[in-house]
Amino acid sequence: NNFGLLAIPFFMLTGAIMEAGGVSVRIIEFSQALVGSVRGGI
């Protein structure tokens, strides 16, 4: 029963929306363009 712990469900909701919205795919594509050219890029 603490107001500060209400951050937990909202941060989890943020993560679930990002995952469902394909945000992780965009992050992977950016990461690949950023460091994919180095040996062992993937």
Full PDB file with SEQRES, HELIX, SHEET, SSBOND, CRYST1, ORIGX, SCALE, CONECT and MASTER records, all heavy atoms in Angstrom:
SEQRES   1 A   42  ASN ASN PHE GLY LEU LEU ALA ILE PRO PHE PHE MET LEU          
SEQRES   2 A   42  THR GLY ALA ILE MET GLU ALA GLY GLY VAL SER VAL ARG          
SEQRES   3 A   42  ILE ILE GLU PHE SER GLN ALA LEU VAL GLY SER VAL ARG          
SEQRES   4 A   42  GLY GLY ILE                                                  
HELIX    1 AA1 PHE A    3  LEU A    6  5                                   4    
HELIX    2 AA2 ALA A    7  ALA A   20  1                                  14    
HELIX    3 AA3 VAL A   23  VAL A   35  1                                  13    
CRYST1    1.000    1.000    1.000  90.00  90.00  90.00 P 1           1          
ORIGX1      1.000000  0.000000  0.000000        0.00000                         
ORIGX2      0.000000  1.000000  0.000000        0.00000                         
ORIGX3      0.000000  0.000000  1.000000        0.00000                         
SCALE1      1.000000  0.000000  0.000000        0.00000                         
SCALE2      0.000000  1.000000  0.000000        0.00000                         
SCALE3      0.000000  0.000000  1.000000        0.00000                         
ATOM      1  N   ASN A   1       0.847  -1.200   0.000  1.00  0.00           N  
ATOM      2  CA  ASN A   1       0.000   0.000   0.000  1.00  0.00           C  
ATOM      3  C   ASN A   1       0.880   1.247   0.000  1.00  0.00           C  
ATOM      4  O   ASN A   1       0.945   2.001   0.972  1.00  0.00           O  
ATOM      5  CB  ASN A   1      -0.933  -0.010   1.214  1.00  0.00           C  
ATOM      6  CG  ASN A   1      -1.921   1.150   1.188  1.00  0.00           C  
ATOM      7  OD1 ASN A   1      -2.214   1.702   0.122  1.00  0.00           O  
ATOM      8  ND2 ASN A   1      -2.425   1.527   2.350  1.00  0.00           N  
ATOM      9  N   ASN A   2       1.608   1.428  -1.109  1.00  0.00           N  
ATOM     10  CA  ASN A   2       2.540   2.540  -1.224  1.00  0.00           C  
ATOM     11  C   ASN A   2       2.432   3.143  -2.616  1.00  0.00           C  
ATOM     12  O   ASN A   2       2.495   2.418  -3.622  1.00  0.00           O  
ATOM     13  CB  ASN A   2       3.978   2.052  -0.972  1.00  0.00           C  
ATOM     14  CG  ASN A   2       4.980   3.186  -0.959  1.00  0.00           C  
ATOM     15  OD1 ASN A   2       5.341   3.731  -1.991  1.00  0.00           O  
ATOM     16  ND2 ASN A   2       5.441   3.540   0.236  1.00  0.00           N  
ATOM     17  N   PHE A   3       2.273   4.452  -2.670  1.00  0.00           N  
ATOM     18  CA  PHE A   3       2.077   5.131  -3.952  1.00  0.00           C  
ATOM     19  C   PHE A   3       3.243   4.883  -4.912  1.00  0.00           C  
ATOM     20  O   PHE A   3       3.043   4.719  -6.124  1.00  0.00           O  
ATOM     21  CB  PHE A   3       1.890   6.631  -3.718  1.00  0.00           C  
ATOM     22  CG  PHE A   3       1.701   7.420  -4.984  1.00  0.00           C  
ATOM     23  CD1 PHE A   3       0.489   7.403  -5.659  1.00  0.00           C  
ATOM     24  CD2 PHE A   3       2.734   8.187  -5.507  1.00  0.00           C  
ATOM     25  CE1 PHE A   3       0.315   8.127  -6.830  1.00  0.00           C  
ATOM     26  CE2 PHE A   3       2.573   8.914  -6.672  1.00  0.00           C  
ATOM     27  CZ  PHE A   3       1.355   8.883  -7.333  1.00  0.00           C  
ATOM     28  N   GLY A   4       4.460   4.847  -4.381  1.00  0.00           N  
ATOM     29  CA  GLY A   4       5.630   4.686  -5.249  1.00  0.00           C  
ATOM     30  C   GLY A   4       5.625   3.400  -6.044  1.00  0.00           C  
ATOM     31  O   GLY A   4       6.155   3.345  -7.164  1.00  0.00           O  
ATOM     32  N   LEU A   5       5.004   2.339  -5.495  1.00  0.00           N  
ATOM     33  CA  LEU A   5       4.976   1.054  -6.187  1.00  0.00           C  
ATOM     34  C   LEU A   5       4.017   1.033  -7.367  1.00  0.00           C  
ATOM     35  O   LEU A   5       4.023   0.095  -8.158  1.00  0.00           O  
ATOM     36  CB  LEU A   5       4.613  -0.066  -5.202  1.00  0.00           C  
ATOM     37  CG  LEU A   5       5.653  -0.366  -4.119  1.00  0.00           C  
ATOM     38  CD1 LEU A   5       5.157  -1.467  -3.197  1.00  0.00           C  
ATOM     39  CD2 LEU A   5       6.992  -0.761  -4.735  1.00  0.00           C  
ATOM     40  N   LEU A   6       3.183   2.080  -7.502  1.00  0.00           N  
ATOM     41  CA  LEU A   6       2.305   2.157  -8.668  1.00  0.00           C  
ATOM     42  C   LEU A   6       3.095   2.312  -9.962  1.00  0.00           C  
ATOM     43  O   LEU A   6       2.561   2.089 -11.050  1.00  0.00           O  
ATOM     44  CB  LEU A   6       1.334   3.336  -8.522  1.00  0.00           C  
ATOM     45  CG  LEU A   6       0.087   3.099  -7.670  1.00  0.00           C  
ATOM     46  CD1 LEU A   6      -0.711   4.386  -7.548  1.00  0.00           C  
ATOM     47  CD2 LEU A   6      -0.778   2.007  -8.278  1.00  0.00           C  
ATOM     48  N   ALA A   7       4.357   2.686  -9.845  1.00  0.00           N  
ATOM     49  CA  ALA A   7       5.190   2.792 -11.052  1.00  0.00           C  
ATOM     50  C   ALA A   7       5.361   1.425 -11.720  1.00  0.00           C  
ATOM     51  O   ALA A   7       5.543   1.345 -12.935  1.00  0.00           O  
ATOM     52  CB  ALA A   7       6.556   3.373 -10.688  1.00  0.00           C  
ATOM     53  N   ILE A   8       5.292   0.342 -10.940  1.00  0.00           N  
ATOM     54  CA  ILE A   8       5.534  -0.995 -11.487  1.00  0.00           C  
ATOM     55  C   ILE A   8       4.554  -1.351 -12.605  1.00  0.00           C  
ATOM     56  O   ILE A   8       4.985  -1.692 -13.720  1.00  0.00           O  
ATOM     57  CB  ILE A   8       5.515  -2.052 -10.357  1.00  0.00           C  
ATOM     58  CG1 ILE A   8       6.749  -1.859  -9.470  1.00  0.00           C  
ATOM     59  CG2 ILE A   8       5.481  -3.466 -10.922  1.00  0.00           C  
ATOM     60  CD1 ILE A   8       6.780  -2.776  -8.255  1.00  0.00           C  
ATOM     61  N   PRO A   9       3.224  -1.298 -12.368  1.00  0.00           N  
ATOM     62  CA  PRO A   9       2.327  -1.671 -13.473  1.00  0.00           C  
ATOM     63  C   PRO A   9       2.431  -0.757 -14.687  1.00  0.00           C  
ATOM     64  O   PRO A   9       2.284  -1.212 -15.827  1.00  0.00           O  
ATOM     65  CB  PRO A   9       0.928  -1.589 -12.839  1.00  0.00           C  
ATOM     66  CG  PRO A   9       1.083  -0.762 -11.629  1.00  0.00           C  
ATOM     67  CD  PRO A   9       2.471  -1.017 -11.136  1.00  0.00           C  
ATOM     68  N   PHE A  10       2.728   0.532 -14.480  1.00  0.00           N  
ATOM     69  CA  PHE A  10       2.804   1.441 -15.619  1.00  0.00           C  
ATOM     70  C   PHE A  10       4.064   1.208 -16.450  1.00  0.00           C  
ATOM     71  O   PHE A  10       4.022   1.273 -17.678  1.00  0.00           O  
ATOM     72  CB  PHE A  10       2.723   2.897 -15.140  1.00  0.00           C  
ATOM     73  CG  PHE A  10       1.375   3.281 -14.624  1.00  0.00           C  
ATOM     74  CD1 PHE A  10       1.201   3.682 -13.310  1.00  0.00           C  
ATOM     75  CD2 PHE A  10       0.260   3.222 -15.441  1.00  0.00           C  
ATOM     76  CE1 PHE A  10      -0.049   4.016 -12.824  1.00  0.00           C  
ATOM     77  CE2 PHE A  10      -0.999   3.561 -14.976  1.00  0.00           C  
ATOM     78  CZ  PHE A  10      -1.156   3.955 -13.658  1.00  0.00           C  
ATOM     79  N   PHE A  11       5.188   0.915 -15.789  1.00  0.00           N  
ATOM     80  CA  PHE A  11       6.394   0.578 -16.541  1.00  0.00           C  
ATOM     81  C   PHE A  11       6.208  -0.756 -17.274  1.00  0.00           C  
ATOM     82  O   PHE A  11       6.681  -0.926 -18.400  1.00  0.00           O  
ATOM     83  CB  PHE A  11       7.611   0.499 -15.617  1.00  0.00           C  
ATOM     84  CG  PHE A  11       8.216   1.836 -15.308  1.00  0.00           C  
ATOM     85  CD1 PHE A  11       8.448   2.237 -13.999  1.00  0.00           C  
ATOM     86  CD2 PHE A  11       8.560   2.711 -16.320  1.00  0.00           C  
ATOM     87  CE1 PHE A  11       9.004   3.469 -13.709  1.00  0.00           C  
ATOM     88  CE2 PHE A  11       9.124   3.951 -16.043  1.00  0.00           C  
ATOM     89  CZ  PHE A  11       9.344   4.329 -14.733  1.00  0.00           C  
ATOM     90  N   MET A  12       5.531  -1.695 -16.632  1.00  0.00           N  
ATOM     91  CA  MET A  12       5.273  -2.973 -17.295  1.00  0.00           C  
ATOM     92  C   MET A  12       4.340  -2.790 -18.489  1.00  0.00           C  
ATOM     93  O   MET A  12       4.514  -3.442 -19.524  1.00  0.00           O  
ATOM     94  CB  MET A  12       4.675  -3.960 -16.294  1.00  0.00           C  
ATOM     95  CG  MET A  12       5.679  -4.493 -15.313  1.00  0.00           C  
ATOM     96  SD  MET A  12       5.021  -5.854 -14.344  1.00  0.00           S  
ATOM     97  CE  MET A  12       6.523  -6.438 -13.560  1.00  0.00           C  
ATOM     98  N   LEU A  13       3.360  -1.922 -18.343  1.00  0.00           N  
ATOM     99  CA  LEU A  13       2.464  -1.628 -19.464  1.00  0.00           C  
ATOM    100  C   LEU A  13       3.249  -1.020 -20.621  1.00  0.00           C  
ATOM    101  O   LEU A  13       3.035  -1.378 -21.787  1.00  0.00           O  
ATOM    102  CB  LEU A  13       1.364  -0.669 -19.006  1.00  0.00           C  
ATOM    103  CG  LEU A  13       0.359  -0.215 -20.075  1.00  0.00           C  
ATOM    104  CD1 LEU A  13      -0.377  -1.404 -20.671  1.00  0.00           C  
ATOM    105  CD2 LEU A  13      -0.624   0.794 -19.488  1.00  0.00           C  
ATOM    106  N   THR A  14       4.179  -0.123 -20.302  1.00  0.00           N  
ATOM    107  CA  THR A  14       5.034   0.473 -21.330  1.00  0.00           C  
ATOM    108  C   THR A  14       5.811  -0.606 -22.078  1.00  0.00           C  
ATOM    109  O   THR A  14       5.865  -0.616 -23.312  1.00  0.00           O  
ATOM    110  CB  THR A  14       6.013   1.484 -20.700  1.00  0.00           C  
ATOM    111  OG1 THR A  14       5.279   2.493 -20.023  1.00  0.00           O  
ATOM    112  CG2 THR A  14       6.911   2.111 -21.753  1.00  0.00           C  
ATOM    113  N   GLY A  15       6.410  -1.539 -21.331  1.00  0.00           N  
ATOM    114  CA  GLY A  15       7.165  -2.611 -21.959  1.00  0.00           C  
ATOM    115  C   GLY A  15       6.305  -3.511 -22.823  1.00  0.00           C  
ATOM    116  O   GLY A  15       6.718  -3.917 -23.916  1.00  0.00           O  
ATOM    117  N   ALA A  16       5.091  -3.823 -22.346  1.00  0.00           N  
ATOM    118  CA  ALA A  16       4.189  -4.694 -23.120  1.00  0.00           C  
ATOM    119  C   ALA A  16       3.750  -4.019 -24.418  1.00  0.00           C  
ATOM    120  O   ALA A  16       3.652  -4.667 -25.466  1.00  0.00           O  
ATOM    121  CB  ALA A  16       2.973  -5.050 -22.268  1.00  0.00           C  
ATOM    122  N   ILE A  17       3.493  -2.715 -24.362  1.00  0.00           N  
ATOM    123  CA  ILE A  17       3.101  -1.978 -25.571  1.00  0.00           C  
ATOM    124  C   ILE A  17       4.257  -1.930 -26.567  1.00  0.00           C  
ATOM    125  O   ILE A  17       4.069  -2.120 -27.769  1.00  0.00           O  
ATOM    126  CB  ILE A  17       2.631  -0.552 -25.215  1.00  0.00           C  
ATOM    127  CG1 ILE A  17       1.353  -0.616 -24.373  1.00  0.00           C  
ATOM    128  CG2 ILE A  17       2.386   0.279 -26.474  1.00  0.00           C  
ATOM    129  CD1 ILE A  17       0.952   0.711 -23.763  1.00  0.00           C  
ATOM    130  N   MET A  18       5.470  -1.698 -26.066  1.00  0.00           N  
ATOM    131  CA  MET A  18       6.642  -1.663 -26.939  1.00  0.00           C  
ATOM    132  C   MET A  18       6.853  -3.005 -27.629  1.00  0.00           C  
ATOM    133  O   MET A  18       7.160  -3.063 -28.820  1.00  0.00           O  
ATOM    134  CB  MET A  18       7.886  -1.280 -26.131  1.00  0.00           C  
ATOM    135  CG  MET A  18       7.901   0.166 -25.655  1.00  0.00           C  
ATOM    136  SD  MET A  18       9.323   0.547 -24.595  1.00  0.00           S  
ATOM    137  CE  MET A  18      10.669   0.463 -25.775  1.00  0.00           C  
ATOM    138  N   GLU A  19       6.663  -4.084 -26.878  1.00  0.00           N  
ATOM    139  CA  GLU A  19       6.855  -5.418 -27.460  1.00  0.00           C  
ATOM    140  C   GLU A  19       5.784  -5.716 -28.494  1.00  0.00           C  
ATOM    141  O   GLU A  19       6.080  -6.196 -29.598  1.00  0.00           O  
ATOM    142  CB  GLU A  19       6.826  -6.470 -26.347  1.00  0.00           C  
ATOM    143  CG  GLU A  19       7.119  -7.878 -26.840  1.00  0.00           C  
ATOM    144  CD  GLU A  19       7.132  -8.897 -25.722  1.00  0.00           C  
ATOM    145  OE1 GLU A  19       7.148  -8.495 -24.546  1.00  0.00           O  
ATOM    146  OE2 GLU A  19       7.104 -10.102 -26.038  1.00  0.00           O  
ATOM    147  N   ALA A  20       4.523  -5.431 -28.160  1.00  0.00           N  
ATOM    148  CA  ALA A  20       3.427  -5.705 -29.092  1.00  0.00           C  
ATOM    149  C   ALA A  20       3.500  -4.817 -30.327  1.00  0.00           C  
ATOM    150  O   ALA A  20       3.104  -5.226 -31.421  1.00  0.00           O  
ATOM    151  CB  ALA A  20       2.080  -5.501 -28.392  1.00  0.00           C  
ATOM    152  N   GLY A  21       4.023  -3.604 -30.157  1.00  0.00           N  
ATOM    153  CA  GLY A  21       4.116  -2.667 -31.268  1.00  0.00           C  
ATOM    154  C   GLY A  21       5.342  -2.855 -32.146  1.00  0.00           C  
ATOM    155  O   GLY A  21       5.599  -2.034 -33.039  1.00  0.00           O  
ATOM    156  N   GLY A  22       6.113  -3.896 -31.905  1.00  0.00           N  
ATOM    157  CA  GLY A  22       7.276  -4.177 -32.738  1.00  0.00           C  
ATOM    158  C   GLY A  22       8.436  -3.225 -32.537  1.00  0.00           C  
ATOM    159  O   GLY A  22       9.311  -3.107 -33.399  1.00  0.00           O  
ATOM    160  N   VAL A  23       8.465  -2.564 -31.383  1.00  0.00           N  
ATOM    161  CA  VAL A  23       9.545  -1.604 -31.119  1.00  0.00           C  
ATOM    162  C   VAL A  23      10.885  -2.316 -31.031  1.00  0.00           C  
ATOM    163  O   VAL A  23      11.917  -1.781 -31.469  1.00  0.00           O  
ATOM    164  CB  VAL A  23       9.248  -0.819 -29.822  1.00  0.00           C  
ATOM    165  CG1 VAL A  23      10.430   0.064 -29.438  1.00  0.00           C  
ATOM    166  CG2 VAL A  23       7.997   0.037 -30.002  1.00  0.00           C  
ATOM    167  N   SER A  24      10.897  -3.537 -30.476  1.00  0.00           N  
ATOM    168  CA  SER A  24      12.158  -4.266 -30.343  1.00  0.00           C  
ATOM    169  C   SER A  24      12.792  -4.531 -31.708  1.00  0.00           C  
ATOM    170  O   SER A  24      14.019  -4.540 -31.845  1.00  0.00           O  
ATOM    171  CB  SER A  24      11.929  -5.588 -29.602  1.00  0.00           C  
ATOM    172  OG  SER A  24      10.989  -6.387 -30.283  1.00  0.00           O  
ATOM    173  N   VAL A  25      11.965  -4.737 -32.733  1.00  0.00           N  
ATOM    174  CA  VAL A  25      12.493  -4.973 -34.086  1.00  0.00           C  
ATOM    175  C   VAL A  25      13.224  -3.737 -34.597  1.00  0.00           C  
ATOM    176  O   VAL A  25      14.306  -3.838 -35.194  1.00  0.00           O  
ATOM    177  CB  VAL A  25      11.352  -5.363 -35.048  1.00  0.00           C  
ATOM    178  CG1 VAL A  25      11.868  -5.483 -36.475  1.00  0.00           C  
ATOM    179  CG2 VAL A  25      10.702  -6.665 -34.606  1.00  0.00           C  
ATOM    180  N   ARG A  26      12.656  -2.566 -34.361  1.00  0.00           N  
ATOM    181  CA  ARG A  26      13.301  -1.317 -34.789  1.00  0.00           C  
ATOM    182  C   ARG A  26      14.618  -1.094 -34.041  1.00  0.00           C  
ATOM    183  O   ARG A  26      15.597  -0.609 -34.618  1.00  0.00           O  
ATOM    184  CB  ARG A  26      12.364  -0.131 -34.566  1.00  0.00           C  
ATOM    185  CG  ARG A  26      11.149  -0.140 -35.503  1.00  0.00           C  
ATOM    186  CD  ARG A  26      10.172   0.976 -35.165  1.00  0.00           C  
ATOM    187  NE  ARG A  26       9.048   0.952 -36.095  1.00  0.00           N  
ATOM    188  CZ  ARG A  26       8.995   1.662 -37.218  1.00  0.00           C  
ATOM    189  NH1 ARG A  26       9.997   2.455 -37.536  1.00  0.00           N  
ATOM    190  NH2 ARG A  26       7.955   1.590 -38.022  1.00  0.00           N  
ATOM    191  N   ILE A  27      14.620  -1.448 -32.770  1.00  0.00           N  
ATOM    192  CA  ILE A  27      15.849  -1.311 -31.985  1.00  0.00           C  
ATOM    193  C   ILE A  27      16.922  -2.257 -32.517  1.00  0.00           C  
ATOM    194  O   ILE A  27      18.100  -1.890 -32.620  1.00  0.00           O  
ATOM    195  CB  ILE A  27      15.550  -1.577 -30.496  1.00  0.00           C  
ATOM    196  CG1 ILE A  27      14.714  -0.422 -29.916  1.00  0.00           C  
ATOM    197  CG2 ILE A  27      16.847  -1.737 -29.704  1.00  0.00           C  
ATOM    198  CD1 ILE A  27      14.256  -0.652 -28.484  1.00  0.00           C  
ATOM    199  N   ILE A  28      16.534  -3.485 -32.868  1.00  0.00           N  
ATOM    200  CA  ILE A  28      17.495  -4.452 -33.423  1.00  0.00           C  
ATOM    201  C   ILE A  28      18.042  -3.950 -34.762  1.00  0.00           C  
ATOM    202  O   ILE A  28      19.242  -4.053 -35.036  1.00  0.00           O  
ATOM    203  CB  ILE A  28      16.829  -5.835 -33.576  1.00  0.00           C  
ATOM    204  CG1 ILE A  28      16.573  -6.453 -32.200  1.00  0.00           C  
ATOM    205  CG2 ILE A  28      17.697  -6.762 -34.425  1.00  0.00           C  
ATOM    206  CD1 ILE A  28      15.740  -7.715 -32.234  1.00  0.00           C  
ATOM    207  N   GLU A  29      17.175  -3.383 -35.615  1.00  0.00           N  
ATOM    208  CA  GLU A  29      17.621  -2.858 -36.911  1.00  0.00           C  
ATOM    209  C   GLU A  29      18.614  -1.714 -36.728  1.00  0.00           C  
ATOM    210  O   GLU A  29      19.629  -1.637 -37.434  1.00  0.00           O  
ATOM    211  CB  GLU A  29      16.407  -2.382 -37.714  1.00  0.00           C  
ATOM    212  CG  GLU A  29      15.535  -3.519 -38.236  1.00  0.00           C  
ATOM    213  CD  GLU A  29      14.267  -3.022 -38.906  1.00  0.00           C  
ATOM    214  OE1 GLU A  29      14.013  -1.790 -38.853  1.00  0.00           O  
ATOM    215  OE2 GLU A  29      13.531  -3.848 -39.492  1.00  0.00           O  
ATOM    216  N   PHE A  30      18.345  -0.833 -35.775  1.00  0.00           N  
ATOM    217  CA  PHE A  30      19.275   0.273 -35.508  1.00  0.00           C  
ATOM    218  C   PHE A  30      20.597  -0.264 -34.964  1.00  0.00           C  
ATOM    219  O   PHE A  30      21.684   0.178 -35.378  1.00  0.00           O  
ATOM    220  CB  PHE A  30      18.649   1.258 -34.519  1.00  0.00           C  
ATOM    221  CG  PHE A  30      19.610   2.301 -34.017  1.00  0.00           C  
ATOM    222  CD1 PHE A  30      20.168   3.232 -34.891  1.00  0.00           C  
ATOM    223  CD2 PHE A  30      19.965   2.351 -32.682  1.00  0.00           C  
ATOM    224  CE1 PHE A  30      21.065   4.192 -34.433  1.00  0.00           C  
ATOM    225  CE2 PHE A  30      20.852   3.309 -32.218  1.00  0.00           C  
ATOM    226  CZ  PHE A  30      21.407   4.223 -33.094  1.00  0.00           C  
ATOM    227  N   SER A  31      20.523  -1.231 -34.057  1.00  0.00           N  
ATOM    228  CA  SER A  31      21.740  -1.823 -33.492  1.00  0.00           C  
ATOM    229  C   SER A  31      22.568  -2.498 -34.576  1.00  0.00           C  
ATOM    230  O   SER A  31      23.799  -2.417 -34.570  1.00  0.00           O  
ATOM    231  CB  SER A  31      21.365  -2.838 -32.405  1.00  0.00           C  
ATOM    232  OG  SER A  31      20.598  -2.242 -31.385  1.00  0.00           O  
ATOM    233  N   GLN A  32      21.898  -3.136 -35.521  1.00  0.00           N  
ATOM    234  CA  GLN A  32      22.609  -3.803 -36.611  1.00  0.00           C  
ATOM    235  C   GLN A  32      23.331  -2.790 -37.490  1.00  0.00           C  
ATOM    236  O   GLN A  32      24.485  -3.000 -37.892  1.00  0.00           O  
ATOM    237  CB  GLN A  32      21.625  -4.616 -37.442  1.00  0.00           C  
ATOM    238  CG  GLN A  32      22.266  -5.389 -38.584  1.00  0.00           C  
ATOM    239  CD  GLN A  32      21.313  -6.402 -39.194  1.00  0.00           C  
ATOM    240  OE1 GLN A  32      20.637  -7.132 -38.482  1.00  0.00           O  
ATOM    241  NE2 GLN A  32      21.264  -6.440 -40.519  1.00  0.00           N  
ATOM    242  N   ALA A  33      22.665  -1.679 -37.802  1.00  0.00           N  
ATOM    243  CA  ALA A  33      23.311  -0.636 -38.612  1.00  0.00           C  
ATOM    244  C   ALA A  33      24.461   0.018 -37.854  1.00  0.00           C  
ATOM    245  O   ALA A  33      25.437   0.466 -38.450  1.00  0.00           O  
ATOM    246  CB  ALA A  33      22.275   0.419 -39.012  1.00  0.00           C  
ATOM    247  N   LEU A  34      24.355   0.055 -36.519  1.00  0.00           N  
ATOM    248  CA  LEU A  34      25.366   0.727 -35.699  1.00  0.00           C  
ATOM    249  C   LEU A  34      26.625  -0.114 -35.542  1.00  0.00           C  
ATOM    250  O   LEU A  34      27.745   0.391 -35.710  1.00  0.00           O  
ATOM    251  CB  LEU A  34      24.758   1.043 -34.325  1.00  0.00           C  
ATOM    252  CG  LEU A  34      25.608   1.866 -33.351  1.00  0.00           C  
ATOM    253  CD1 LEU A  34      25.809   3.278 -33.888  1.00  0.00           C  
ATOM    254  CD2 LEU A  34      24.940   1.904 -31.976  1.00  0.00           C  
ATOM    255  N   VAL A  35      26.486  -1.400 -35.217  1.00  0.00           N  
ATOM    256  CA  VAL A  35      27.666  -2.219 -34.897  1.00  0.00           C  
ATOM    257  C   VAL A  35      27.762  -3.481 -35.749  1.00  0.00           C  
ATOM    258  O   VAL A  35      28.664  -4.296 -35.543  1.00  0.00           O  
ATOM    259  CB  VAL A  35      27.656  -2.614 -33.397  1.00  0.00           C  
ATOM    260  CG1 VAL A  35      27.791  -1.397 -32.522  1.00  0.00           C  
ATOM    261  CG2 VAL A  35      26.389  -3.402 -33.045  1.00  0.00           C  
ATOM    262  N   GLY A  36      26.853  -3.662 -36.708  1.00  0.00           N  
ATOM    263  CA  GLY A  36      26.846  -4.877 -37.508  1.00  0.00           C  
ATOM    264  C   GLY A  36      28.044  -5.030 -38.426  1.00  0.00           C  
ATOM    265  O   GLY A  36      28.309  -6.126 -38.923  1.00  0.00           O  
ATOM    266  N   SER A  37      28.777  -3.955 -38.666  1.00  0.00           N  
ATOM    267  CA  SER A  37      29.914  -4.026 -39.585  1.00  0.00           C  
ATOM    268  C   SER A  37      31.200  -4.499 -38.907  1.00  0.00           C  
ATOM    269  O   SER A  37      32.200  -4.748 -39.565  1.00  0.00           O  
ATOM    270  CB  SER A  37      30.160  -2.645 -40.210  1.00  0.00           C  
ATOM    271  OG  SER A  37      30.437  -1.683 -39.202  1.00  0.00           O  
ATOM    272  N   VAL A  38      31.186  -4.626 -37.580  1.00  0.00           N  
ATOM    273  CA  VAL A  38      32.366  -5.080 -36.841  1.00  0.00           C  
ATOM    274  C   VAL A  38      32.431  -6.601 -36.898  1.00  0.00           C  
ATOM    275  O   VAL A  38      31.409  -7.279 -37.028  1.00  0.00           O  
ATOM    276  CB  VAL A  38      32.285  -4.600 -35.373  1.00  0.00           C  
ATOM    277  CG1 VAL A  38      33.540  -4.989 -34.597  1.00  0.00           C  
ATOM    278  CG2 VAL A  38      32.063  -3.092 -35.322  1.00  0.00           C  
ATOM    279  N   ARG A  39      33.628  -7.149 -36.808  1.00  0.00           N  
ATOM    280  CA  ARG A  39      33.790  -8.605 -36.794  1.00  0.00           C  
ATOM    281  C   ARG A  39      32.923  -9.198 -35.688  1.00  0.00           C  
ATOM    282  O   ARG A  39      32.967  -8.736 -34.549  1.00  0.00           O  
ATOM    283  CB  ARG A  39      35.268  -8.957 -36.564  1.00  0.00           C  
ATOM    284  CG  ARG A  39      35.568 -10.435 -36.376  1.00  0.00           C  
ATOM    285  CD  ARG A  39      35.317 -11.206 -37.671  1.00  0.00           C  
ATOM    286  NE  ARG A  39      36.350 -10.934 -38.644  1.00  0.00           N  
ATOM    287  CZ  ARG A  39      37.468 -11.642 -38.771  1.00  0.00           C  
ATOM    288  NH1 ARG A  39      37.691 -12.675 -37.982  1.00  0.00           N  
ATOM    289  NH2 ARG A  39      38.346 -11.327 -39.698  1.00  0.00           N  
ATOM    290  N   GLY A  40      32.164 -10.251 -36.012  1.00  0.00           N  
ATOM    291  CA  GLY A  40      31.214 -10.810 -35.056  1.00  0.00           C  
ATOM    292  C   GLY A  40      30.014  -9.900 -34.862  1.00  0.00           C  
ATOM    293  O   GLY A  40      29.441  -9.829 -33.784  1.00  0.00           O  
ATOM    294  N   GLY A  41      29.632  -9.219 -35.948  1.00  0.00           N  
ATOM    295  CA  GLY A  41      28.640  -8.148 -35.864  1.00  0.00           C  
ATOM    296  C   GLY A  41      27.319  -8.539 -35.249  1.00  0.00           C  
ATOM    297  O   GLY A  41      26.756  -7.781 -34.455  1.00  0.00           O  
ATOM    298  N   ILE A  42      26.797  -9.725 -35.583  1.00  0.00           N  
ATOM    299  CA  ILE A  42      25.469 -10.068 -35.070  1.00  0.00           C  
ATOM    300  C   ILE A  42      25.499 -10.285 -33.552  1.00  0.00           C  
ATOM    301  O   ILE A  42      24.517 -10.030 -32.846  1.00  0.00           O  
ATOM    302  CB  ILE A  42      24.892 -11.304 -35.788  1.00  0.00           C  
ATOM    303  CG1 ILE A  42      23.386 -11.399 -35.503  1.00  0.00           C  
ATOM    304  CG2 ILE A  42      25.621 -12.580 -35.400  1.00  0.00           C  
ATOM    305  CD1 ILE A  42      22.659 -12.363 -36.407  1.00  0.00           C  
TER     306      ILE A  42                                                      
MASTER        0    0    0    3    0    0    0    6  305    1    0    4          
END                                                                             
